[in-house]
Every structure is written in structure tokens, then in C-alpha cells.
N, C-alpha and C. Protein backbone atom coordinates (compact mmCIF):
# COMPACT_ATOMS: atom_id res chain seq x y z
N MET A 1 15.78 -14.49 22.22
CA MET A 1 16.09 -14.08 20.85
C MET A 1 16.49 -15.29 20.03
N HIS A 2 16.16 -15.26 18.73
CA HIS A 2 16.61 -16.32 17.84
C HIS A 2 17.63 -15.75 16.86
N MET A 3 18.33 -16.66 16.22
CA MET A 3 19.41 -16.26 15.34
C MET A 3 18.90 -15.42 14.18
N LYS A 4 19.52 -14.27 13.98
CA LYS A 4 19.20 -13.39 12.88
C LYS A 4 20.41 -13.32 11.94
N LYS A 5 20.13 -12.98 10.69
CA LYS A 5 21.19 -12.85 9.70
C LYS A 5 21.44 -11.38 9.41
N VAL A 6 22.70 -10.97 9.53
CA VAL A 6 23.09 -9.57 9.33
C VAL A 6 24.05 -9.49 8.14
N LEU A 7 23.70 -8.63 7.19
CA LEU A 7 24.58 -8.36 6.06
C LEU A 7 25.31 -7.05 6.32
N ILE A 8 26.63 -7.09 6.39
CA ILE A 8 27.44 -5.89 6.63
C ILE A 8 28.04 -5.46 5.29
N ALA A 9 27.68 -4.25 4.85
CA ALA A 9 28.16 -3.74 3.57
C ALA A 9 29.04 -2.51 3.78
N SER A 10 30.31 -2.66 3.45
CA SER A 10 31.26 -1.55 3.59
C SER A 10 32.43 -1.78 2.64
N ASP A 11 32.96 -0.66 2.12
CA ASP A 11 34.14 -0.73 1.27
C ASP A 11 35.43 -0.47 2.03
N ASP A 12 35.29 -0.19 3.33
CA ASP A 12 36.45 0.11 4.16
C ASP A 12 36.70 -1.06 5.10
N SER A 13 37.89 -1.64 5.02
CA SER A 13 38.18 -2.85 5.80
C SER A 13 38.14 -2.59 7.30
N HIS A 14 38.60 -1.40 7.73
CA HIS A 14 38.59 -1.08 9.17
C HIS A 14 37.16 -0.93 9.69
N THR A 15 36.31 -0.25 8.89
CA THR A 15 34.92 -0.10 9.31
C THR A 15 34.22 -1.44 9.35
N SER A 16 34.45 -2.26 8.34
CA SER A 16 33.84 -3.59 8.30
C SER A 16 34.24 -4.42 9.51
N ALA A 17 35.52 -4.36 9.89
CA ALA A 17 35.99 -5.10 11.05
C ALA A 17 35.37 -4.58 12.33
N TRP A 18 35.25 -3.24 12.44
CA TRP A 18 34.62 -2.66 13.63
C TRP A 18 33.17 -3.10 13.75
N LEU A 19 32.44 -3.09 12.64
CA LEU A 19 31.04 -3.49 12.66
C LEU A 19 30.90 -4.97 13.03
N ARG A 20 31.76 -5.81 12.48
CA ARG A 20 31.71 -7.25 12.82
C ARG A 20 32.00 -7.47 14.30
N ASP A 21 33.02 -6.79 14.81
CA ASP A 21 33.36 -6.94 16.23
C ASP A 21 32.23 -6.43 17.12
N ALA A 22 31.59 -5.34 16.71
CA ALA A 22 30.53 -4.75 17.54
C ALA A 22 29.34 -5.69 17.70
N VAL A 23 29.00 -6.42 16.63
CA VAL A 23 27.82 -7.28 16.69
C VAL A 23 28.16 -8.71 17.10
N ALA A 24 29.42 -8.96 17.41
CA ALA A 24 29.86 -10.33 17.72
C ALA A 24 29.12 -10.92 18.93
N ALA A 25 28.74 -10.06 19.87
CA ALA A 25 28.09 -10.56 21.08
C ALA A 25 26.61 -10.84 20.87
N LEU A 26 26.06 -10.43 19.75
CA LEU A 26 24.64 -10.65 19.49
C LEU A 26 24.41 -12.04 18.89
N ASP A 27 23.19 -12.50 18.98
CA ASP A 27 22.84 -13.81 18.45
C ASP A 27 22.53 -13.67 16.97
N VAL A 28 23.57 -13.40 16.19
CA VAL A 28 23.40 -13.18 14.76
C VAL A 28 24.48 -13.91 13.98
N SER A 29 24.17 -14.22 12.74
CA SER A 29 25.19 -14.67 11.79
C SER A 29 25.51 -13.49 10.88
N VAL A 30 26.77 -13.33 10.52
CA VAL A 30 27.23 -12.15 9.79
C VAL A 30 27.75 -12.55 8.42
N VAL A 31 27.32 -11.80 7.41
CA VAL A 31 27.81 -11.96 6.04
C VAL A 31 28.35 -10.62 5.59
N PRO A 32 29.66 -10.50 5.32
CA PRO A 32 30.22 -9.24 4.84
C PRO A 32 30.17 -9.14 3.32
N CYS A 33 30.09 -7.89 2.83
CA CYS A 33 30.18 -7.67 1.39
C CYS A 33 30.59 -6.23 1.14
N SER A 34 30.97 -5.92 -0.08
CA SER A 34 31.25 -4.54 -0.47
C SER A 34 29.95 -3.89 -0.92
N THR A 35 29.94 -2.55 -1.00
CA THR A 35 28.72 -1.88 -1.47
C THR A 35 28.46 -2.20 -2.94
N GLY A 36 29.52 -2.50 -3.69
CA GLY A 36 29.33 -2.90 -5.08
C GLY A 36 28.61 -4.23 -5.22
N GLU A 37 28.73 -5.09 -4.22
CA GLU A 37 28.05 -6.39 -4.23
C GLU A 37 26.66 -6.33 -3.62
N LEU A 38 26.30 -5.17 -3.08
CA LEU A 38 25.10 -5.08 -2.26
C LEU A 38 23.84 -5.48 -3.02
N LYS A 39 23.67 -4.98 -4.23
CA LYS A 39 22.45 -5.27 -4.98
C LYS A 39 22.27 -6.76 -5.20
N SER A 40 23.32 -7.44 -5.63
CA SER A 40 23.20 -8.88 -5.87
C SER A 40 23.00 -9.65 -4.58
N ARG A 41 23.62 -9.20 -3.50
CA ARG A 41 23.45 -9.87 -2.20
C ARG A 41 22.01 -9.76 -1.72
N LEU A 42 21.41 -8.59 -1.90
CA LEU A 42 20.03 -8.41 -1.44
C LEU A 42 19.06 -9.25 -2.26
N VAL A 43 19.43 -9.53 -3.51
CA VAL A 43 18.60 -10.40 -4.34
C VAL A 43 18.79 -11.86 -3.93
N ALA A 44 20.04 -12.23 -3.67
CA ALA A 44 20.36 -13.65 -3.43
C ALA A 44 20.07 -14.09 -2.01
N ASP A 45 20.27 -13.20 -1.03
CA ASP A 45 20.19 -13.58 0.37
C ASP A 45 18.98 -12.97 1.06
N SER A 46 18.38 -13.73 1.94
CA SER A 46 17.33 -13.21 2.81
C SER A 46 17.98 -12.81 4.13
N VAL A 47 18.01 -11.52 4.41
CA VAL A 47 18.67 -11.03 5.62
C VAL A 47 17.68 -10.30 6.50
N ASP A 48 17.94 -10.32 7.80
CA ASP A 48 17.10 -9.62 8.75
C ASP A 48 17.51 -8.16 8.92
N LEU A 49 18.83 -7.93 8.83
CA LEU A 49 19.35 -6.58 9.04
C LEU A 49 20.45 -6.30 8.04
N LEU A 50 20.37 -5.14 7.42
CA LEU A 50 21.48 -4.63 6.61
C LEU A 50 22.20 -3.57 7.43
N LEU A 51 23.45 -3.83 7.74
CA LEU A 51 24.30 -2.89 8.47
C LEU A 51 25.17 -2.22 7.41
N LEU A 52 24.82 -0.99 7.05
CA LEU A 52 25.34 -0.36 5.85
C LEU A 52 26.22 0.84 6.17
N ASP A 53 27.43 0.82 5.63
CA ASP A 53 28.34 1.96 5.73
C ASP A 53 27.97 2.94 4.61
N GLY A 54 27.28 4.04 4.98
CA GLY A 54 26.82 5.00 3.99
C GLY A 54 27.81 6.09 3.66
N GLY A 55 28.85 6.23 4.49
CA GLY A 55 29.88 7.24 4.23
C GLY A 55 29.35 8.65 4.24
N ARG A 56 29.86 9.48 3.32
CA ARG A 56 29.48 10.90 3.26
C ARG A 56 28.26 11.16 2.38
N ALA A 57 27.94 10.22 1.49
CA ALA A 57 26.83 10.41 0.54
C ALA A 57 26.02 9.12 0.45
N PRO A 58 25.16 8.86 1.42
CA PRO A 58 24.49 7.56 1.49
C PRO A 58 23.25 7.41 0.62
N ASP A 59 22.80 8.48 -0.04
CA ASP A 59 21.49 8.43 -0.67
C ASP A 59 21.41 7.37 -1.77
N ALA A 60 22.49 7.18 -2.54
CA ALA A 60 22.45 6.20 -3.64
C ALA A 60 22.23 4.79 -3.11
N VAL A 61 22.95 4.43 -2.06
CA VAL A 61 22.78 3.07 -1.51
C VAL A 61 21.45 2.94 -0.78
N ILE A 62 20.95 4.04 -0.19
CA ILE A 62 19.63 4.00 0.44
C ILE A 62 18.56 3.71 -0.61
N GLN A 63 18.67 4.35 -1.77
CA GLN A 63 17.72 4.09 -2.85
C GLN A 63 17.76 2.63 -3.29
N LEU A 64 18.94 2.06 -3.32
CA LEU A 64 19.08 0.66 -3.69
C LEU A 64 18.36 -0.24 -2.69
N VAL A 65 18.52 0.09 -1.41
CA VAL A 65 17.86 -0.70 -0.35
C VAL A 65 16.34 -0.53 -0.45
N GLU A 66 15.88 0.69 -0.71
CA GLU A 66 14.44 0.92 -0.85
C GLU A 66 13.87 0.13 -2.03
N GLN A 67 14.63 0.04 -3.11
CA GLN A 67 14.18 -0.76 -4.25
C GLN A 67 14.06 -2.23 -3.88
N ALA A 68 15.06 -2.73 -3.15
CA ALA A 68 15.00 -4.13 -2.72
C ALA A 68 13.79 -4.37 -1.82
N ALA A 69 13.50 -3.43 -0.94
CA ALA A 69 12.34 -3.57 -0.05
C ALA A 69 11.04 -3.56 -0.84
N SER A 70 10.97 -2.71 -1.87
CA SER A 70 9.75 -2.63 -2.69
C SER A 70 9.52 -3.91 -3.47
N GLU A 71 10.59 -4.68 -3.68
CA GLU A 71 10.49 -5.94 -4.41
C GLU A 71 10.29 -7.13 -3.48
N GLY A 72 10.01 -6.85 -2.20
CA GLY A 72 9.64 -7.90 -1.28
C GLY A 72 10.69 -8.35 -0.31
N ASN A 73 11.86 -7.70 -0.31
CA ASN A 73 12.91 -8.05 0.66
C ASN A 73 12.57 -7.41 2.00
N ASP A 74 12.23 -8.25 2.95
CA ASP A 74 11.78 -7.78 4.27
C ASP A 74 12.98 -7.65 5.20
N LEU A 75 13.53 -6.45 5.27
CA LEU A 75 14.73 -6.26 6.08
C LEU A 75 14.64 -5.00 6.91
N HIS A 76 15.57 -4.89 7.86
CA HIS A 76 15.76 -3.68 8.66
C HIS A 76 17.09 -3.06 8.23
N LEU A 77 17.17 -1.73 8.39
CA LEU A 77 18.36 -1.02 7.95
C LEU A 77 19.00 -0.27 9.12
N MET A 78 20.28 -0.54 9.34
CA MET A 78 21.09 0.25 10.29
C MET A 78 22.17 0.94 9.48
N LEU A 79 22.12 2.26 9.43
CA LEU A 79 22.99 3.05 8.57
C LEU A 79 24.06 3.75 9.40
N VAL A 80 25.31 3.64 8.98
CA VAL A 80 26.41 4.35 9.61
C VAL A 80 26.89 5.42 8.63
N VAL A 81 26.91 6.67 9.07
CA VAL A 81 27.28 7.77 8.17
C VAL A 81 28.34 8.65 8.80
N GLU A 82 29.02 9.39 7.93
CA GLU A 82 29.95 10.41 8.39
C GLU A 82 29.17 11.64 8.84
N PRO A 83 29.73 12.46 9.74
CA PRO A 83 29.02 13.67 10.18
C PRO A 83 28.60 14.58 9.03
N GLU A 84 29.40 14.61 7.95
CA GLU A 84 29.08 15.48 6.82
C GLU A 84 27.78 15.09 6.12
N ALA A 85 27.33 13.87 6.32
CA ALA A 85 26.13 13.39 5.64
C ALA A 85 24.84 13.88 6.29
N LEU A 86 24.93 14.42 7.50
CA LEU A 86 23.72 14.74 8.24
C LEU A 86 22.90 15.85 7.59
N GLU A 87 23.54 16.77 6.91
CA GLU A 87 22.84 17.91 6.34
C GLU A 87 21.70 17.48 5.41
N GLU A 88 21.93 16.45 4.61
CA GLU A 88 20.92 16.01 3.65
C GLU A 88 20.47 14.57 3.90
N LEU A 89 20.71 14.05 5.08
CA LEU A 89 20.39 12.65 5.35
C LEU A 89 18.89 12.42 5.33
N ARG A 90 18.48 11.41 4.59
CA ARG A 90 17.08 11.01 4.50
C ARG A 90 16.98 9.55 4.95
N VAL A 91 16.29 9.35 6.07
CA VAL A 91 16.11 7.99 6.58
C VAL A 91 14.87 7.39 5.93
N PRO A 92 14.94 6.20 5.36
CA PRO A 92 13.77 5.62 4.68
C PRO A 92 12.56 5.54 5.60
N VAL A 93 11.39 5.83 5.03
CA VAL A 93 10.16 5.82 5.84
C VAL A 93 9.40 4.50 5.72
N HIS A 94 9.71 3.68 4.72
CA HIS A 94 8.97 2.43 4.52
C HIS A 94 9.76 1.21 4.99
N ILE A 95 10.93 1.43 5.58
CA ILE A 95 11.77 0.36 6.07
C ILE A 95 12.10 0.65 7.53
N PRO A 96 11.96 -0.32 8.44
CA PRO A 96 12.41 -0.08 9.82
C PRO A 96 13.89 0.28 9.81
N SER A 97 14.21 1.49 10.24
CA SER A 97 15.56 2.03 10.04
C SER A 97 16.04 2.81 11.25
N ASP A 98 17.35 2.90 11.36
CA ASP A 98 17.98 3.76 12.33
C ASP A 98 19.34 4.14 11.75
N PHE A 99 20.00 5.11 12.36
CA PHE A 99 21.32 5.49 11.87
C PHE A 99 22.22 5.85 13.04
N LEU A 100 23.52 5.86 12.74
CA LEU A 100 24.54 6.18 13.72
C LEU A 100 25.63 6.98 13.02
N VAL A 101 26.14 8.00 13.69
CA VAL A 101 27.24 8.79 13.13
C VAL A 101 28.55 8.10 13.49
N ARG A 102 29.42 7.97 12.49
CA ARG A 102 30.71 7.32 12.72
C ARG A 102 31.46 8.02 13.86
N GLY A 103 32.04 7.21 14.72
CA GLY A 103 32.73 7.74 15.90
C GLY A 103 31.97 7.45 17.18
N ALA A 104 30.70 7.03 17.05
CA ALA A 104 29.92 6.66 18.23
C ALA A 104 30.46 5.36 18.82
N ALA A 105 30.07 5.08 20.04
CA ALA A 105 30.56 3.88 20.73
C ALA A 105 29.90 2.62 20.18
N SER A 106 30.63 1.53 20.23
CA SER A 106 30.09 0.24 19.79
C SER A 106 28.84 -0.13 20.59
N ALA A 107 28.83 0.23 21.87
CA ALA A 107 27.68 -0.10 22.72
C ALA A 107 26.41 0.58 22.21
N GLU A 108 26.55 1.80 21.68
CA GLU A 108 25.37 2.49 21.13
C GLU A 108 24.88 1.78 19.88
N LEU A 109 25.81 1.37 19.03
CA LEU A 109 25.43 0.63 17.82
C LEU A 109 24.66 -0.64 18.19
N VAL A 110 25.17 -1.39 19.15
CA VAL A 110 24.53 -2.64 19.56
C VAL A 110 23.14 -2.36 20.14
N ALA A 111 23.00 -1.30 20.95
CA ALA A 111 21.70 -0.97 21.53
C ALA A 111 20.68 -0.63 20.45
N ARG A 112 21.12 0.09 19.44
CA ARG A 112 20.21 0.46 18.36
C ARG A 112 19.81 -0.76 17.52
N ILE A 113 20.75 -1.66 17.32
CA ILE A 113 20.44 -2.88 16.58
C ILE A 113 19.45 -3.74 17.36
N ARG A 114 19.66 -3.87 18.66
CA ARG A 114 18.73 -4.63 19.50
C ARG A 114 17.31 -4.07 19.36
N LYS A 115 17.19 -2.75 19.36
CA LYS A 115 15.88 -2.13 19.26
C LYS A 115 15.24 -2.40 17.91
N LEU A 116 16.06 -2.45 16.87
CA LEU A 116 15.53 -2.74 15.54
C LEU A 116 15.08 -4.18 15.39
N LEU A 117 15.85 -5.11 15.92
CA LEU A 117 15.64 -6.52 15.59
C LEU A 117 14.79 -7.31 16.58
N TRP A 118 14.80 -6.89 17.85
CA TRP A 118 14.14 -7.73 18.85
C TRP A 118 13.11 -6.94 19.65
N SER A 119 12.92 -7.34 20.85
CA SER A 119 11.88 -6.74 21.68
C SER A 119 12.12 -5.25 21.83
N GLY A 120 11.04 -4.57 22.18
CA GLY A 120 11.12 -3.12 22.25
C GLY A 120 10.63 -2.48 20.97
N GLU A 121 10.07 -3.28 20.07
CA GLU A 121 9.53 -2.71 18.84
C GLU A 121 8.30 -1.85 19.12
N GLU A 122 7.64 -2.12 20.24
CA GLU A 122 6.52 -1.27 20.60
C GLU A 122 7.07 0.08 21.05
N VAL A 123 6.51 1.14 20.53
CA VAL A 123 6.99 2.49 20.84
C VAL A 123 6.27 3.03 22.06
N ALA A 124 7.02 3.52 23.01
CA ALA A 124 6.43 4.11 24.21
C ALA A 124 5.59 5.32 23.83
N ALA A 125 4.56 5.58 24.63
CA ALA A 125 3.65 6.68 24.32
C ALA A 125 4.37 8.01 24.23
N GLN A 126 5.37 8.24 25.10
CA GLN A 126 6.06 9.52 25.10
C GLN A 126 6.96 9.69 23.89
N GLU A 127 7.13 8.64 23.08
CA GLU A 127 7.96 8.74 21.89
C GLU A 127 7.14 9.04 20.65
N VAL A 128 5.82 9.18 20.79
CA VAL A 128 4.96 9.52 19.66
C VAL A 128 4.22 10.81 19.96
N ILE A 129 4.32 11.76 19.03
CA ILE A 129 3.64 13.04 19.17
C ILE A 129 2.57 13.11 18.10
N ARG A 130 1.34 13.43 18.49
CA ARG A 130 0.24 13.58 17.53
C ARG A 130 -0.36 14.97 17.68
N ILE A 131 -0.40 15.70 16.58
CA ILE A 131 -0.99 17.04 16.54
C ILE A 131 -1.85 17.11 15.29
N ASP A 132 -3.15 17.19 15.45
CA ASP A 132 -4.06 17.16 14.31
C ASP A 132 -3.73 15.94 13.45
N GLU A 133 -3.39 16.15 12.18
CA GLU A 133 -3.08 15.04 11.28
C GLU A 133 -1.61 14.61 11.34
N LEU A 134 -0.82 15.30 12.14
CA LEU A 134 0.62 15.04 12.21
C LEU A 134 0.95 13.99 13.26
N THR A 135 1.79 13.03 12.88
CA THR A 135 2.35 12.07 13.82
C THR A 135 3.86 12.07 13.68
N LEU A 136 4.56 12.29 14.80
CA LEU A 136 6.01 12.24 14.83
C LEU A 136 6.42 11.08 15.72
N ASN A 137 7.20 10.17 15.18
CA ASN A 137 7.72 9.04 15.95
C ASN A 137 9.16 9.35 16.32
N LEU A 138 9.41 9.68 17.58
CA LEU A 138 10.73 10.09 18.01
C LEU A 138 11.71 8.92 18.08
N ALA A 139 11.18 7.71 18.10
CA ALA A 139 12.06 6.54 18.18
C ALA A 139 12.59 6.12 16.81
N THR A 140 11.82 6.40 15.75
CA THR A 140 12.20 5.92 14.42
C THR A 140 12.51 7.04 13.44
N TYR A 141 12.42 8.30 13.90
CA TYR A 141 12.70 9.47 13.05
C TYR A 141 11.71 9.56 11.88
N GLN A 142 10.50 9.09 12.10
CA GLN A 142 9.51 9.10 11.03
C GLN A 142 8.43 10.13 11.32
N ALA A 143 7.86 10.67 10.24
CA ALA A 143 6.77 11.64 10.35
C ALA A 143 5.69 11.26 9.34
N HIS A 144 4.44 11.43 9.74
CA HIS A 144 3.31 11.20 8.85
C HIS A 144 2.32 12.35 8.98
N VAL A 145 1.74 12.76 7.87
CA VAL A 145 0.59 13.67 7.88
C VAL A 145 -0.57 12.85 7.32
N GLY A 146 -1.56 12.62 8.17
CA GLY A 146 -2.58 11.65 7.81
C GLY A 146 -1.93 10.28 7.73
N HIS A 147 -2.10 9.61 6.62
CA HIS A 147 -1.46 8.30 6.44
C HIS A 147 -0.27 8.38 5.49
N GLU A 148 0.11 9.59 5.11
CA GLU A 148 1.20 9.76 4.16
C GLU A 148 2.51 10.05 4.87
N PRO A 149 3.58 9.32 4.56
CA PRO A 149 4.88 9.62 5.17
C PRO A 149 5.45 10.93 4.64
N VAL A 150 6.14 11.64 5.52
CA VAL A 150 6.82 12.88 5.15
C VAL A 150 8.31 12.59 5.12
N GLU A 151 8.94 12.81 3.99
CA GLU A 151 10.35 12.45 3.84
C GLU A 151 11.24 13.65 4.17
N PHE A 152 11.46 13.86 5.46
CA PHE A 152 12.37 14.89 5.92
C PHE A 152 13.81 14.40 5.79
N THR A 153 14.75 15.32 5.57
CA THR A 153 16.15 15.02 5.85
C THR A 153 16.33 14.98 7.36
N TYR A 154 17.48 14.47 7.81
CA TYR A 154 17.69 14.38 9.26
C TYR A 154 17.59 15.74 9.93
N LEU A 155 18.24 16.77 9.35
CA LEU A 155 18.25 18.08 10.01
C LEU A 155 16.90 18.78 9.91
N GLU A 156 16.17 18.57 8.84
CA GLU A 156 14.79 19.08 8.79
C GLU A 156 13.97 18.46 9.91
N TYR A 157 14.10 17.15 10.05
CA TYR A 157 13.35 16.45 11.11
C TYR A 157 13.78 16.94 12.49
N ALA A 158 15.08 17.07 12.71
CA ALA A 158 15.58 17.49 14.02
C ALA A 158 15.11 18.90 14.37
N LEU A 159 15.14 19.80 13.40
CA LEU A 159 14.67 21.17 13.64
C LEU A 159 13.18 21.18 13.93
N PHE A 160 12.42 20.44 13.14
CA PHE A 160 10.97 20.40 13.32
C PHE A 160 10.61 19.82 14.69
N VAL A 161 11.25 18.72 15.05
CA VAL A 161 10.96 18.11 16.35
C VAL A 161 11.32 19.05 17.49
N PHE A 162 12.44 19.76 17.37
CA PHE A 162 12.82 20.68 18.43
C PHE A 162 11.74 21.75 18.62
N LEU A 163 11.27 22.34 17.53
CA LEU A 163 10.25 23.38 17.66
C LEU A 163 8.93 22.82 18.20
N VAL A 164 8.53 21.65 17.70
CA VAL A 164 7.26 21.05 18.14
C VAL A 164 7.31 20.67 19.62
N THR A 165 8.46 20.21 20.09
CA THR A 165 8.57 19.81 21.49
C THR A 165 8.92 20.97 22.43
N HIS A 166 9.08 22.16 21.87
CA HIS A 166 9.27 23.38 22.66
C HIS A 166 8.30 24.45 22.16
N PRO A 167 7.00 24.20 22.32
CA PRO A 167 6.01 25.08 21.68
C PRO A 167 5.85 26.41 22.42
N ASN A 168 5.26 27.37 21.68
CA ASN A 168 4.85 28.66 22.23
C ASN A 168 6.00 29.49 22.78
N ARG A 169 7.17 29.25 22.24
CA ARG A 169 8.33 30.04 22.62
C ARG A 169 9.13 30.37 21.37
N VAL A 170 9.53 31.61 21.25
CA VAL A 170 10.28 32.04 20.07
C VAL A 170 11.77 31.71 20.26
N TYR A 171 12.34 31.10 19.21
CA TYR A 171 13.77 30.79 19.21
C TYR A 171 14.45 31.53 18.06
N SER A 172 15.54 32.20 18.37
CA SER A 172 16.30 32.89 17.34
C SER A 172 17.00 31.88 16.45
N ARG A 173 17.43 32.32 15.29
CA ARG A 173 18.17 31.44 14.39
C ARG A 173 19.45 30.95 15.05
N GLU A 174 20.12 31.82 15.77
CA GLU A 174 21.38 31.46 16.42
C GLU A 174 21.16 30.35 17.46
N VAL A 175 20.09 30.47 18.22
CA VAL A 175 19.79 29.45 19.23
C VAL A 175 19.45 28.12 18.55
N LEU A 176 18.68 28.19 17.47
CA LEU A 176 18.32 26.96 16.76
C LEU A 176 19.55 26.29 16.16
N LEU A 177 20.48 27.09 15.66
CA LEU A 177 21.72 26.51 15.14
C LEU A 177 22.48 25.77 16.24
N ARG A 178 22.55 26.38 17.41
CA ARG A 178 23.28 25.73 18.51
C ARG A 178 22.57 24.46 18.96
N ARG A 179 21.24 24.52 19.07
CA ARG A 179 20.50 23.39 19.62
C ARG A 179 20.34 22.24 18.63
N VAL A 180 20.26 22.54 17.34
CA VAL A 180 20.00 21.51 16.34
C VAL A 180 21.27 21.14 15.57
N TRP A 181 21.99 22.14 15.09
CA TRP A 181 23.19 21.86 14.29
C TRP A 181 24.42 21.59 15.16
N GLY A 182 24.44 22.17 16.36
CA GLY A 182 25.55 21.95 17.27
C GLY A 182 26.48 23.14 17.34
N SER A 183 27.23 23.22 18.42
CA SER A 183 28.09 24.37 18.68
C SER A 183 29.25 24.47 17.71
N ASP A 184 29.57 23.39 17.00
CA ASP A 184 30.70 23.42 16.08
C ASP A 184 30.28 23.73 14.64
N TYR A 185 29.02 24.15 14.44
CA TYR A 185 28.57 24.50 13.10
C TYR A 185 28.94 25.94 12.81
N TYR A 186 29.57 26.17 11.65
CA TYR A 186 30.08 27.50 11.33
C TYR A 186 29.38 28.12 10.12
N GLY A 187 28.31 27.52 9.64
CA GLY A 187 27.59 28.08 8.51
C GLY A 187 26.74 29.27 8.93
N GLY A 188 26.17 29.95 7.95
CA GLY A 188 25.35 31.12 8.23
C GLY A 188 24.00 30.77 8.82
N SER A 189 23.43 31.71 9.55
CA SER A 189 22.16 31.48 10.23
C SER A 189 21.00 31.34 9.25
N ARG A 190 21.17 31.80 8.01
CA ARG A 190 20.10 31.70 7.03
C ARG A 190 19.80 30.25 6.64
N THR A 191 20.68 29.34 6.98
CA THR A 191 20.38 27.94 6.71
C THR A 191 19.12 27.50 7.47
N VAL A 192 18.85 28.15 8.60
CA VAL A 192 17.61 27.85 9.34
C VAL A 192 16.40 28.21 8.49
N ASP A 193 16.45 29.38 7.83
CA ASP A 193 15.34 29.80 6.98
C ASP A 193 15.09 28.79 5.87
N VAL A 194 16.16 28.31 5.27
CA VAL A 194 16.04 27.32 4.19
C VAL A 194 15.34 26.07 4.69
N HIS A 195 15.75 25.58 5.85
CA HIS A 195 15.16 24.36 6.40
C HIS A 195 13.70 24.57 6.80
N VAL A 196 13.38 25.75 7.33
CA VAL A 196 11.98 26.03 7.68
C VAL A 196 11.11 26.05 6.43
N ARG A 197 11.62 26.64 5.35
CA ARG A 197 10.85 26.65 4.10
C ARG A 197 10.60 25.22 3.61
N ARG A 198 11.62 24.37 3.71
CA ARG A 198 11.46 22.98 3.28
C ARG A 198 10.43 22.26 4.15
N ILE A 199 10.51 22.50 5.45
CA ILE A 199 9.54 21.86 6.37
C ILE A 199 8.12 22.29 6.02
N ARG A 200 7.92 23.58 5.83
CA ARG A 200 6.58 24.08 5.50
C ARG A 200 6.05 23.47 4.21
N SER A 201 6.93 23.29 3.24
CA SER A 201 6.49 22.73 1.96
C SER A 201 6.08 21.27 2.09
N LYS A 202 6.53 20.60 3.15
CA LYS A 202 6.28 19.17 3.30
C LYS A 202 5.13 18.83 4.24
N ILE A 203 4.77 19.75 5.15
CA ILE A 203 3.76 19.40 6.16
C ILE A 203 2.36 19.82 5.77
N GLY A 204 2.21 20.63 4.74
CA GLY A 204 0.88 20.99 4.27
C GLY A 204 0.30 22.23 4.94
N ALA A 205 -0.70 22.78 4.27
CA ALA A 205 -1.26 24.07 4.69
C ALA A 205 -1.91 24.03 6.07
N GLU A 206 -2.52 22.89 6.41
CA GLU A 206 -3.23 22.81 7.69
C GLU A 206 -2.30 22.92 8.89
N LEU A 207 -1.04 22.53 8.71
CA LEU A 207 -0.08 22.58 9.82
C LEU A 207 0.88 23.76 9.70
N THR A 208 1.06 24.27 8.48
CA THR A 208 2.04 25.32 8.26
C THR A 208 1.76 26.55 9.11
N HIS A 209 0.48 26.85 9.34
CA HIS A 209 0.15 28.07 10.10
C HIS A 209 0.65 28.01 11.53
N ARG A 210 0.93 26.80 12.04
CA ARG A 210 1.45 26.68 13.40
C ARG A 210 2.93 27.07 13.50
N LEU A 211 3.65 26.96 12.38
CA LEU A 211 5.07 27.27 12.37
C LEU A 211 5.24 28.73 11.95
N GLU A 212 5.34 29.60 12.92
CA GLU A 212 5.30 31.04 12.67
C GLU A 212 6.69 31.66 12.61
N THR A 213 6.80 32.66 11.75
CA THR A 213 7.99 33.50 11.70
C THR A 213 7.76 34.74 12.54
N VAL A 214 8.64 35.01 13.46
CA VAL A 214 8.57 36.22 14.28
C VAL A 214 9.60 37.20 13.72
N ARG A 215 9.13 38.24 13.12
CA ARG A 215 9.98 39.16 12.37
C ARG A 215 11.15 39.66 13.21
N ASN A 216 12.34 39.58 12.63
CA ASN A 216 13.58 40.05 13.25
C ASN A 216 13.99 39.25 14.49
N VAL A 217 13.30 38.15 14.75
CA VAL A 217 13.65 37.34 15.92
C VAL A 217 13.96 35.89 15.50
N GLY A 218 12.96 35.16 15.07
CA GLY A 218 13.17 33.76 14.74
C GLY A 218 11.88 33.04 14.47
N TYR A 219 11.71 31.86 15.08
CA TYR A 219 10.57 31.01 14.78
C TYR A 219 9.96 30.44 16.06
N LEU A 220 8.66 30.11 15.98
CA LEU A 220 8.02 29.37 17.07
C LEU A 220 6.97 28.45 16.50
N TRP A 221 6.68 27.42 17.27
CA TRP A 221 5.59 26.48 16.96
C TRP A 221 4.47 26.72 17.95
N LYS A 222 3.28 27.00 17.43
CA LYS A 222 2.11 27.25 18.27
C LYS A 222 1.37 25.96 18.54
N SER A 223 1.19 25.66 19.79
CA SER A 223 0.48 24.42 20.15
C SER A 223 -1.02 24.62 20.02
């Protein structure tokens, strides 16, 4: 590995210190900044990785990073978010990206950064699913229909991947909530219906027929 430059952007001193300590063992140079300084830093500095504290509402800073990338800044993004952000989390599709929920171990953060920055960029065959025009990359949380990226939120993507990887079996809304949202989710089961509608609107007519509603039961994906 050769020396890489990492920009750590956080407004919380404890989080910034944790991120710096976590990457200390890697062959990287670290530049800290606040999220308010992020735009100017991305213009002024050429960085290999942006380690970004997205907090509870990361979309605004994600858009800023996407703008920088569209203007020629060739970087990778590692996003740290609060659990509350997962409901609407959108991982950029045009930037090599990954994310981590706050509270995870430092070792997991380092492993994900290694995968982003160094060897292992080749995706194993079992991490890519292809069905007709659909491609799901399980390693990068990306989806494409044909050559067009599909911008799922994290939970839309997680629900879709669960159904696609468990085909030809009907799952009730309650089971899907437990398997995708987790046992500590206390919202209503109709949130599954909302996410299925969003998924169908994004994958196109040719694939939508595979995602079936089973009346009074739940949903299944037909292989």
C-alpha cells in the first residue's frame, strides 16, 4: 500500500478523535475539518478518502460530495451515520462509497476503509446478482437497471436484496420488518408497503412483475 490522504469531516470532537484513532494504524495522512469547511477543503485539497460524519441527516453533505465529484474530485466516501438516518439513507451511486452506523467497532471501520482504498476492489462473483437487466452489487450497495443506476435508500435496497436473495417464498410484512428493519423497530407494518411501492417505481415495468403481492399475506420475488 502507498500513502493515501484522508479528510475527516465532523463537527463533534469526540467523533473526530475516534475516527482519527481508528485510522491511525493505516498508511494514511489525516486532515481534519468541520462540515462547514468541507466544501472549501474539497476544492483546495486532493484527497483519496473522505471520512464523513453524516449524523442523523446526511443527505445535504452527501449532495455536496456528489457535486465535488461531478467537478472532477476523484475521491472515495466512507460515511458514518446515526441509526435514525437509515430510513432515508441514500448511498451515492457515482462515487465509491460505504457506510457505517455509529456504535460499530473501530475494526469494522478500518476493514471497510481498506476495501475502499486498496486491494479487494474486485468484487467476488457471489457479491453480484444479475437478473435480466438488473444488477445488484452486494459489496457496494449499488443497483443498476441496464446501464442506469437506481438510487435506492438504504432500507429500500435492504428490503429488495432480501426478497431477491430469498426468491419464490412469500414473506409476511411482520417477518420482513424483523429481517430488514430489525427486532427493535416499533413502526407499523404498512411501512413495508410504502417501501415496496418505492422499489417498484424505481426498477421499471420489466422487473416489477417479479415482485408480487400475495393478498392478505405479504410479498415474494419470483425468480
